[in-house]
């Protein structure tokens, strides 16, 4: 790599599930002699400012605020998808689109060598090219789900070649409806294709060829560009005194005897879903840690209101319920964890695999059903089936799959497979990120 320090300006979509992988990629870049500017709204960057782990890099990551146009509908604390009332999402999309002038000012001030951007922001590479700056799209989801998305943009009537993913007519219809949702007169299909087409000669993607080689290859053929995996980009667990109660509770449990239950930072369960999962955990008779989150105004609710009557008292010795936030990576890396009940957001899915924890898949929306099917296909977990009539999880099915994964005999093959892929991904991760970074260096040289 050149001894000259290259500079990169990164702009993810305004969601925690997108910002986190951009930050992990920023860490990798800064450790390899890149000067990194990571740009987002102040409310999105606030939790990361002053983080010790970010300042351990060879070159510190510099956070850059981008201010969205003022709007009475959208005060600054709503310049993020976190805690955003669902009816305001179109307003946030609109405001982000209208942030191009602010982004151009940042570009002209910093003069980066490369801009790395997200997958629904075609105005970002347009702004970069106006300033003669190279631009590369970074896709934060799995190659399987994006190959389905791209397949549907190209020819929705042609059969998807990988039947292992079991793309039902209902799932395909949901993808197509999403592709034709509109913001500012632009449908998502045009946004997505515009981001891919305006990316330089390749596309970066958060995945590993260890688990997705065939989907990476297929996606490459669909977009007509090289698709370059950057590896899993998993956050390394850090020591925090506030986590001691959780870690001490886990220390008392037997190896692989506990399931960790978490549905991500922006996926909120209904009271009915919470009740079914609670009963399922009780029926399974397995020890558990459950992270429960409430959205916005619902944060005033107390746990006793949403759980079945007497649940918290009955599980006092068997379960640990945590409200709000828990150190997921640290919990998953603990030897007592034997299963991960997950919504199958891509970041959580990769964390489960990387830490060698079998996944009990309970997908909710967006790309999660595809991620769940990939989990089953590669043999690292089992999916909880739903009732087709009303798409509800049932307690008996939740308990059945948990027991199947954690049980010493039934779960043997899943545990073996996830440990095997964990080791292979760890061996491959540095090689994959080094290749991706070399591509970025070559791009700067050519330009």
Protein backbone atom coordinates (compact mmCIF):
# COMPACT_ATOMS: atom_id res chain seq x y z
CA UNK A 1 0.00 0.00 0.00
CA UNK A 2 1.14 3.56 -0.66
CA UNK A 3 2.85 5.33 2.22
CA UNK A 4 0.80 8.46 1.35
CA UNK A 5 -2.29 8.70 3.51
CA UNK A 6 -5.52 8.43 1.50
CA UNK A 7 -8.67 10.17 2.68
CA UNK A 8 -12.18 8.72 2.67
CA UNK A 9 -15.52 10.41 3.34
CA UNK A 10 -18.29 7.99 4.37
CA UNK A 11 -22.04 8.71 4.37
CA UNK A 12 -24.38 5.90 5.49
CA UNK A 13 -28.17 5.92 5.57
CA UNK A 14 -29.60 7.33 8.81
CA UNK A 15 -30.19 4.04 10.63
CA UNK A 16 -28.15 2.38 13.38
CA UNK A 17 -28.06 -0.86 11.39
CA UNK A 18 -26.29 1.03 8.58
CA UNK A 19 -24.14 3.37 10.67
CA UNK A 20 -22.60 0.53 12.70
CA UNK A 21 -21.07 -1.37 9.74
CA UNK A 22 -19.84 1.92 8.27
CA UNK A 23 -18.08 2.62 11.58
CA UNK A 24 -16.54 -0.87 11.66
CA UNK A 25 -15.32 -0.40 8.07
CA UNK A 26 -13.99 3.03 9.07
CA UNK A 27 -11.95 1.38 11.85
CA UNK A 28 -10.42 -1.08 9.37
CA UNK A 29 -9.56 1.74 6.96
CA UNK A 30 -8.02 3.93 9.64
CA UNK A 31 -5.84 1.03 10.81
CA UNK A 32 -4.48 0.79 7.27
CA UNK A 33 -3.28 4.35 6.80
CA UNK A 34 -6.53 5.95 5.62
CA UNK A 35 -7.70 9.28 6.98
CA UNK A 36 -11.41 8.66 7.58
CA UNK A 37 -14.24 11.17 7.83
CA UNK A 38 -17.57 9.62 8.86
CA UNK A 39 -20.54 11.85 8.12
CA UNK A 40 -24.04 11.67 9.62
CA UNK A 41 -26.56 13.76 11.53
CA UNK A 42 -25.58 14.93 15.05
CA UNK A 43 -28.26 12.73 16.69
CA UNK A 44 -26.89 9.65 14.91
CA UNK A 45 -23.26 10.37 15.81
CA UNK A 46 -23.92 11.33 19.44
CA UNK A 47 -23.61 7.77 20.91
CA UNK A 48 -20.29 7.22 19.10
CA UNK A 49 -18.55 10.49 19.93
CA UNK A 50 -15.81 10.04 22.49
CA UNK A 51 -15.88 6.26 22.18
CA UNK A 52 -12.50 4.90 23.34
CA UNK A 53 -12.59 2.04 20.83
CA UNK A 54 -12.74 4.47 17.90
CA UNK A 55 -9.64 6.32 19.05
CA UNK A 56 -7.44 3.23 19.26
CA UNK A 57 -6.98 3.20 15.47
CA UNK A 58 -3.70 4.21 13.88
CA UNK A 59 -5.47 7.27 12.49
CA UNK A 60 -8.45 8.60 14.49
CA UNK A 61 -11.85 8.62 12.79
CA UNK A 62 -13.20 12.14 12.45
CA UNK A 63 -16.95 12.61 12.76
CA UNK A 64 -18.55 15.19 10.49
CA UNK A 65 -22.04 16.56 11.12
CA UNK A 66 -24.41 16.91 8.20
CA UNK A 67 -27.41 19.10 8.98
CA UNK A 68 -30.67 18.30 7.24
CA UNK A 69 -32.84 21.19 6.02
CA UNK A 70 -34.98 22.54 8.91
CA UNK A 71 -38.60 21.40 9.01
CA UNK A 72 -41.36 21.81 11.62
CA UNK A 73 -42.33 18.20 10.83
CA UNK A 74 -38.84 16.90 11.53
CA UNK A 75 -36.95 18.44 14.48
CA UNK A 76 -33.24 17.46 14.79
CA UNK A 77 -33.91 14.63 17.28
CA UNK A 78 -35.84 12.89 14.48
CA UNK A 79 -32.91 13.03 12.02
CA UNK A 80 -32.50 9.28 12.52
CA UNK A 81 -34.66 6.20 12.08
CA UNK A 82 -34.21 5.37 15.77
CA UNK A 83 -37.32 6.41 17.72
CA UNK A 84 -38.75 7.90 14.53
CA UNK A 85 -42.57 7.63 14.39
CA UNK A 86 -43.30 5.49 11.29
CA UNK A 87 -45.45 8.16 9.65
CA UNK A 88 -42.42 10.51 9.57
CA UNK A 89 -40.18 8.17 7.54
CA UNK A 90 -41.17 9.81 4.20
CA UNK A 91 -40.27 13.21 5.71
CA UNK A 92 -36.86 11.88 6.77
CA UNK A 93 -36.25 10.43 3.30
CA UNK A 94 -37.21 13.76 1.77
CA UNK A 95 -34.97 15.75 4.13
CA UNK A 96 -31.98 13.49 3.44
CA UNK A 97 -32.47 13.90 -0.30
CA UNK A 98 -32.45 17.65 0.21
CA UNK A 99 -29.15 17.50 2.10
CA UNK A 100 -27.15 17.37 -1.15
CA UNK A 101 -26.07 21.07 -0.95
CA UNK A 102 -24.82 20.52 2.62
CA UNK A 103 -22.95 17.41 1.49
CA UNK A 104 -21.37 19.31 -1.42
CA UNK A 105 -20.07 21.91 1.03
CA UNK A 106 -18.48 19.14 3.12
CA UNK A 107 -16.95 17.60 -0.01
CA UNK A 108 -15.44 20.88 -1.12
CA UNK A 109 -14.02 21.52 2.35
CA UNK A 110 -12.49 18.08 2.98
CA UNK A 111 -11.53 17.16 -0.61
CA UNK A 112 -11.44 13.38 0.03
CA UNK A 113 -9.93 10.90 -2.42
CA UNK A 114 -12.97 8.60 -2.21
CA UNK A 115 -16.58 8.79 -1.07
CA UNK A 116 -18.16 5.60 0.30
CA UNK A 117 -21.96 5.77 0.37
CA UNK A 118 -25.09 3.72 1.06
CA UNK A 119 -27.45 1.97 -1.35
CA UNK A 120 -30.47 4.34 -1.64
CA UNK A 121 -28.65 7.67 -2.02
CA UNK A 122 -27.98 8.17 -5.76
CA UNK A 123 -27.44 11.90 -5.18
CA UNK A 124 -24.23 11.13 -3.21
CA UNK A 125 -22.16 9.73 -6.13
CA UNK A 126 -23.61 12.49 -8.33
CA UNK A 127 -22.26 15.08 -5.86
CA UNK A 128 -18.91 13.26 -5.67
CA UNK A 129 -18.51 13.16 -9.45
CA UNK A 130 -19.32 16.89 -9.64
CA UNK A 131 -16.20 17.36 -7.50
CA UNK A 132 -14.13 14.84 -9.53
CA UNK A 133 -14.08 12.44 -6.57
CA UNK A 134 -14.29 8.66 -6.87
CA UNK A 135 -17.40 7.10 -5.29
CA UNK A 136 -18.00 3.50 -4.15
CA UNK A 137 -21.24 2.05 -2.84
CA UNK A 138 -21.08 -0.05 0.35
CA UNK A 139 -23.93 -2.55 0.72
CA UNK A 140 -24.51 -3.44 4.39
CA UNK A 141 -26.85 -6.42 3.85
CA UNK A 142 -26.16 -9.96 2.70
CA UNK A 143 -25.43 -10.90 -0.91
CA UNK A 144 -28.39 -13.32 -0.94
CA UNK A 145 -31.00 -10.65 -0.13
CA UNK A 146 -29.43 -8.09 -2.47
CA UNK A 147 -29.27 -10.63 -5.26
CA UNK A 148 -33.04 -11.14 -4.81
CA UNK A 149 -33.55 -7.37 -4.81
CA UNK A 150 -31.44 -6.90 -7.94
CA UNK A 151 -33.00 -9.94 -9.63
CA UNK A 152 -36.44 -8.37 -9.16
CA UNK A 153 -35.25 -5.04 -10.59
CA UNK A 154 -33.96 -6.81 -13.71
CA UNK A 155 -36.74 -9.27 -14.45
CA UNK A 156 -39.40 -9.92 -11.85
CA UNK A 157 -40.95 -12.68 -13.97
CA UNK A 158 -37.80 -14.76 -14.36
CA UNK A 159 -37.24 -17.54 -11.82
CA UNK A 160 -34.64 -16.82 -9.15
CA UNK A 161 -31.97 -19.53 -9.61
CA UNK A 162 -31.37 -20.43 -5.95
CA UNK A 163 -34.39 -22.33 -4.70
CA UNK A 164 -32.61 -22.96 -1.39
CA UNK A 165 -33.78 -19.48 -0.41
CA UNK A 166 -37.38 -20.57 -1.14
CA UNK A 167 -38.51 -17.25 -2.56
CA UNK A 168 -42.28 -17.55 -2.26
CA UNK A 169 -44.70 -15.49 -4.32
CA UNK A 170 -45.61 -13.55 -1.18
CA UNK A 171 -41.97 -12.65 -0.44
CA UNK A 172 -41.36 -11.67 -4.06
CA UNK A 173 -44.46 -9.45 -4.02
CA UNK A 174 -43.16 -7.69 -0.90
CA UNK A 175 -39.82 -7.01 -2.62
CA UNK A 176 -41.55 -5.62 -5.71
CA UNK A 177 -43.84 -3.40 -3.62
CA UNK A 178 -40.76 -2.04 -1.82
CA UNK A 179 -39.00 -1.38 -5.12
CA UNK A 180 -41.91 0.78 -6.28
CA UNK A 181 -42.27 2.88 -3.13
CA UNK A 182 -41.63 6.54 -3.98
CA UNK A 183 -39.84 9.45 -2.31
CA UNK A 184 -39.53 12.82 -4.04
CA UNK A 185 -40.89 11.26 -7.21
CA UNK A 186 -38.14 8.62 -7.35
CA UNK A 187 -38.96 4.95 -6.81
CA UNK A 188 -36.64 2.76 -4.73
CA UNK A 189 -35.80 0.68 -7.80
CA UNK A 190 -34.32 3.73 -9.53
CA UNK A 191 -32.51 4.77 -6.35
CA UNK A 192 -30.94 1.36 -5.88
CA UNK A 193 -29.91 0.92 -9.52
CA UNK A 194 -28.62 4.50 -9.61
CA UNK A 195 -26.38 3.85 -6.60
CA UNK A 196 -24.99 0.66 -8.17
CA UNK A 197 -24.51 2.14 -11.66
CA UNK A 198 -22.73 5.26 -10.32
CA UNK A 199 -20.38 3.26 -8.11
CA UNK A 200 -16.86 3.10 -9.53
CA UNK A 201 -15.70 -0.21 -11.01
CA UNK A 202 -16.76 -2.31 -8.00
CA UNK A 203 -19.25 -2.63 -5.14
CA UNK A 204 -18.30 -3.26 -1.49
CA UNK A 205 -20.51 -5.62 0.52
CA UNK A 206 -20.57 -6.64 4.19
CA UNK A 207 -20.29 -10.41 3.90
CA UNK A 208 -17.82 -13.24 3.49
CA UNK A 209 -17.27 -15.64 0.61
CA UNK A 210 -17.04 -18.37 3.26
CA UNK A 211 -20.84 -18.33 3.57
CA UNK A 212 -22.06 -16.47 0.46
CA UNK A 213 -19.70 -17.14 -2.46
CA UNK A 214 -22.43 -18.24 -4.91
CA UNK A 215 -24.65 -15.25 -4.06
CA UNK A 216 -21.72 -12.83 -4.39
CA UNK A 217 -20.96 -14.29 -7.83
CA UNK A 218 -24.61 -14.07 -8.93
CA UNK A 219 -24.93 -10.49 -7.69
CA UNK A 220 -21.75 -9.62 -9.59
CA UNK A 221 -23.32 -10.89 -12.81
CA UNK A 222 -26.56 -8.99 -12.17
CA UNK A 223 -24.93 -5.60 -11.51
CA UNK A 224 -22.18 -5.97 -14.12
CA UNK A 225 -19.47 -5.02 -11.64
CA UNK A 226 -17.11 -6.80 -9.28
CA UNK A 227 -18.71 -7.34 -5.87
CA UNK A 228 -16.03 -7.26 -3.17
CA UNK A 229 -16.74 -8.73 0.31
CA UNK A 230 -15.21 -6.75 3.17
CA UNK A 231 -15.72 -9.56 5.69
CA UNK A 232 -18.18 -9.65 8.62
CA UNK A 233 -16.96 -6.41 10.31
CA UNK A 234 -17.87 -7.64 13.78
CA UNK A 235 -17.43 -5.32 16.74
CA UNK A 236 -14.84 -6.66 19.19
CA UNK A 237 -16.33 -7.01 22.71
CA UNK A 238 -14.85 -4.45 25.11
CA UNK A 239 -14.60 -4.41 28.90
CA UNK A 240 -17.27 -2.37 30.65
CA UNK A 241 -17.91 -2.41 34.40
CA UNK A 242 -21.65 -1.87 33.79
CA UNK A 243 -21.83 -5.36 32.24
CA UNK A 244 -20.62 -7.18 35.36
CA UNK A 245 -24.09 -8.24 36.58
CA UNK A 246 -24.85 -9.91 33.22
CA UNK A 247 -21.44 -11.58 32.99
CA UNK A 248 -21.62 -12.87 36.58
CA UNK A 249 -25.09 -14.31 35.88
CA UNK A 250 -23.72 -16.09 32.80
CA UNK A 251 -20.65 -17.34 34.68
CA UNK A 252 -22.96 -19.38 36.91
CA UNK A 253 -24.54 -21.23 33.97
CA UNK A 254 -23.29 -24.38 32.25
CA UNK A 255 -21.53 -24.19 28.87
CA UNK A 256 -23.94 -23.69 25.92
CA UNK A 257 -27.00 -23.85 28.21
CA UNK A 258 -28.41 -20.31 27.75
CA UNK A 259 -30.23 -18.70 24.82
CA UNK A 260 -29.81 -15.00 24.13
CA UNK A 261 -33.02 -13.32 22.91
CA UNK A 262 -32.71 -10.00 21.09
CA UNK A 263 -34.50 -8.40 18.15
CA UNK A 264 -32.11 -5.57 17.33
CA UNK A 265 -32.18 -1.85 17.97
CA UNK A 266 -35.04 -0.94 15.63
CA UNK A 267 -37.34 -3.98 15.62
CA UNK A 268 -40.06 -3.75 18.26
CA UNK A 269 -42.34 -6.60 19.32
CA UNK A 270 -46.09 -6.30 19.84
CA UNK A 271 -47.61 -7.36 23.17
CA UNK A 272 -48.93 -10.52 21.48
CA UNK A 273 -45.47 -11.41 20.14
CA UNK A 274 -43.88 -10.80 23.55
CA UNK A 275 -46.45 -13.07 25.21
CA UNK A 276 -45.93 -15.92 22.72
CA UNK A 277 -42.13 -15.73 23.04
CA UNK A 278 -42.40 -15.60 26.85
CA UNK A 279 -44.58 -18.71 26.93
CA UNK A 280 -42.25 -20.38 24.39
CA UNK A 281 -39.23 -19.74 26.60
CA UNK A 282 -41.04 -21.17 29.61
CA UNK A 283 -42.13 -24.26 27.67
CA UNK A 284 -38.57 -24.83 26.44
CA UNK A 285 -37.29 -24.96 30.05
CA UNK A 286 -34.02 -23.39 28.79
CA UNK A 287 -32.22 -20.59 30.64
CA UNK A 288 -32.26 -17.27 28.80
CA UNK A 289 -31.25 -13.62 28.63
CA UNK A 290 -33.91 -11.48 26.93
CA UNK A 291 -33.36 -7.88 25.83
CA UNK A 292 -36.73 -6.10 25.60
CA UNK A 293 -37.04 -2.74 23.85
CA UNK A 294 -39.98 -0.36 23.54
CA UNK A 295 -40.49 2.25 20.83
CA UNK A 296 -40.83 5.97 21.56
CA UNK A 297 -43.78 6.75 23.83
CA UNK A 298 -44.09 3.07 24.78
CA UNK A 299 -40.89 3.42 26.84
CA UNK A 300 -43.07 4.50 29.75
CA UNK A 301 -44.55 0.98 29.87
CA UNK A 302 -43.34 -1.31 32.64
CA UNK A 303 -42.30 -4.90 31.99
CA UNK A 304 -45.13 -6.34 34.10
CA UNK A 305 -47.66 -4.82 31.67
CA UNK A 306 -46.38 -6.65 28.59
CA UNK A 307 -45.45 -10.09 29.96
CA UNK A 308 -47.92 -12.84 30.85
CA UNK A 309 -49.16 -12.60 34.43
CA UNK A 310 -46.60 -13.95 36.88
CA UNK A 311 -43.95 -14.54 34.16
CA UNK A 312 -41.18 -12.47 35.77
CA UNK A 313 -41.71 -14.18 39.12
CA UNK A 314 -41.76 -17.68 37.60
CA UNK A 315 -38.52 -17.23 35.63
CA UNK A 316 -36.58 -15.52 38.41
CA UNK A 317 -33.91 -18.25 38.58
CA UNK A 318 -34.13 -19.31 34.93
CA UNK A 319 -34.12 -16.05 33.03
CA UNK A 320 -32.65 -12.55 33.02
CA UNK A 321 -34.74 -9.80 31.41
CA UNK A 322 -32.91 -6.61 30.42
CA UNK A 323 -34.75 -3.50 29.28
CA UNK A 324 -33.31 -1.26 26.57
CA UNK A 325 -29.72 -2.23 25.77
CA UNK A 326 -27.26 -5.06 26.42
CA UNK A 327 -23.68 -5.75 25.25
CA UNK A 328 -24.69 -8.17 22.48
CA UNK A 329 -21.22 -9.06 21.19
CA UNK A 330 -19.96 -9.64 24.72
CA UNK A 331 -22.94 -11.86 25.60
CA UNK A 332 -22.68 -13.91 22.38
CA UNK A 333 -18.98 -14.52 22.98
CA UNK A 334 -19.63 -15.99 26.46
CA UNK A 335 -19.22 -19.80 26.60
CA UNK A 336 -22.57 -20.23 28.40
CA UNK A 337 -24.51 -19.04 25.36
CA UNK A 338 -25.84 -21.98 23.33
CA UNK A 339 -28.39 -20.29 21.08
CA UNK A 340 -29.41 -16.88 19.71
CA UNK A 341 -33.12 -16.09 19.25
CA UNK A 342 -32.82 -13.37 16.62
CA UNK A 343 -34.83 -11.29 14.13
CA UNK A 344 -31.97 -12.04 11.71
CA UNK A 345 -30.89 -8.52 10.99
CA UNK A 346 -27.72 -9.04 8.96
CA UNK A 347 -25.38 -7.59 11.61
CA UNK A 348 -26.84 -9.83 14.31
CA UNK A 349 -26.74 -12.86 12.00
CA UNK A 350 -23.04 -12.38 11.29
CA UNK A 351 -22.31 -11.85 14.99
CA UNK A 352 -24.03 -15.13 15.82
CA UNK A 353 -22.00 -17.02 13.22
CA UNK A 354 -18.71 -15.31 14.08
CA UNK A 355 -19.08 -16.15 17.78
CA UNK A 356 -20.09 -19.73 16.94
CA UNK A 357 -23.64 -19.47 18.33
CA UNK A 358 -26.51 -21.36 16.59
CA UNK A 359 -29.37 -19.10 15.52
CA UNK A 360 -33.08 -19.53 16.27
CA UNK A 361 -34.43 -17.40 13.43
CA UNK A 362 -37.57 -15.29 13.95
CA UNK A 363 -37.49 -12.78 11.06
CA UNK A 364 -39.84 -9.79 11.10
CA UNK A 365 -39.45 -7.60 7.99
CA UNK A 366 -37.33 -6.22 5.14
CA UNK A 367 -34.35 -8.50 4.35
CA UNK A 368 -34.73 -10.57 7.52
CA UNK A 369 -36.73 -13.47 5.95
CA UNK A 370 -33.94 -13.95 3.38
CA UNK A 371 -31.26 -13.82 6.06
CA UNK A 372 -33.19 -16.44 8.04
CA UNK A 373 -33.43 -18.75 5.03
CA UNK A 374 -29.68 -18.33 4.44
CA UNK A 375 -29.07 -19.30 8.10
CA UNK A 376 -30.97 -22.54 7.52
CA UNK A 377 -29.33 -23.18 4.12
CA UNK A 378 -25.76 -22.95 5.45
CA UNK A 379 -26.68 -25.08 8.46
CA UNK A 380 -26.02 -22.65 11.32
CA UNK A 381 -29.56 -22.42 12.68
CA UNK A 382 -33.26 -23.27 12.50
CA UNK A 383 -36.22 -21.05 11.62
CA UNK A 384 -39.35 -20.72 13.76
CA UNK A 385 -42.35 -21.34 11.49
CA UNK A 386 -45.29 -18.94 11.52
CA UNK A 387 -49.03 -19.39 11.08
CA UNK A 388 -49.69 -18.58 7.42
CA UNK A 389 -53.14 -17.09 8.07
CA UNK A 390 -51.98 -14.25 10.32
CA UNK A 391 -48.16 -14.48 10.23
CA UNK A 392 -47.94 -15.04 13.99
CA UNK A 393 -45.37 -16.97 15.98
CA UNK A 394 -46.85 -19.64 18.26
CA UNK A 395 -45.40 -20.50 21.67
CA UNK A 396 -45.22 -24.24 21.00
CA UNK A 397 -43.21 -23.68 17.82
CA UNK A 398 -40.87 -21.23 19.58
CA UNK A 399 -40.22 -23.79 22.31
CA UNK A 400 -39.76 -26.63 19.81
CA UNK A 401 -37.05 -24.84 17.81
CA UNK A 402 -35.22 -23.57 20.90
CA UNK A 403 -35.07 -27.11 22.32
CA UNK A 404 -34.04 -28.51 18.93
CA UNK A 405 -31.05 -26.13 18.74
CA UNK A 406 -29.91 -26.22 22.36
CA UNK A 407 -30.59 -29.93 23.02
CA UNK A 408 -27.36 -31.89 23.33
CA UNK A 409 -28.27 -34.48 20.68
CA UNK A 410 -30.67 -32.68 18.27
CA UNK A 411 -28.51 -29.58 18.04
CA UNK A 412 -25.23 -31.40 17.55
CA UNK A 413 -24.97 -30.85 13.78
CA UNK A 414 -26.00 -27.18 13.91
CA UNK A 415 -23.43 -26.52 16.66
CA UNK A 416 -20.73 -28.32 14.69
CA UNK A 417 -21.49 -26.36 11.52
CA UNK A 418 -21.59 -22.94 13.16
CA UNK A 419 -18.26 -23.60 14.93
CA UNK A 420 -16.71 -24.70 11.64
CA UNK A 421 -17.91 -21.60 9.75
CA UNK A 422 -16.89 -19.36 12.64
CA UNK A 423 -13.31 -20.61 12.42
CA UNK A 424 -13.20 -20.29 8.63
CA UNK A 425 -14.63 -16.75 8.67
CA UNK A 426 -12.11 -15.66 11.28
CA UNK A 427 -9.27 -17.08 9.18
CA UNK A 428 -10.56 -15.33 6.06
CA UNK A 429 -11.68 -11.98 7.50
CA UNK A 430 -8.34 -10.16 7.37
CA UNK A 431 -7.65 -11.43 3.87
CA UNK A 432 -11.03 -10.16 2.66
CA UNK A 433 -10.72 -6.69 4.18
CA UNK A 434 -7.14 -6.37 2.86
CA UNK A 435 -8.32 -7.20 -0.66
CA UNK A 436 -11.15 -4.65 -0.41
CA UNK A 437 -8.80 -1.95 0.82
CA UNK A 438 -6.29 -2.71 -1.94
CA UNK A 439 -9.13 -2.14 -4.44
CA UNK A 440 -9.74 1.29 -2.89
CA UNK A 441 -6.02 2.13 -3.06
CA UNK A 442 -5.87 1.12 -6.73
CA UNK A 443 -8.90 3.29 -7.43
CA UNK A 444 -7.15 6.33 -5.96
CA UNK A 445 -3.98 5.56 -7.96
CA UNK A 446 -5.92 5.40 -11.23
CA UNK A 447 -7.80 8.61 -10.52
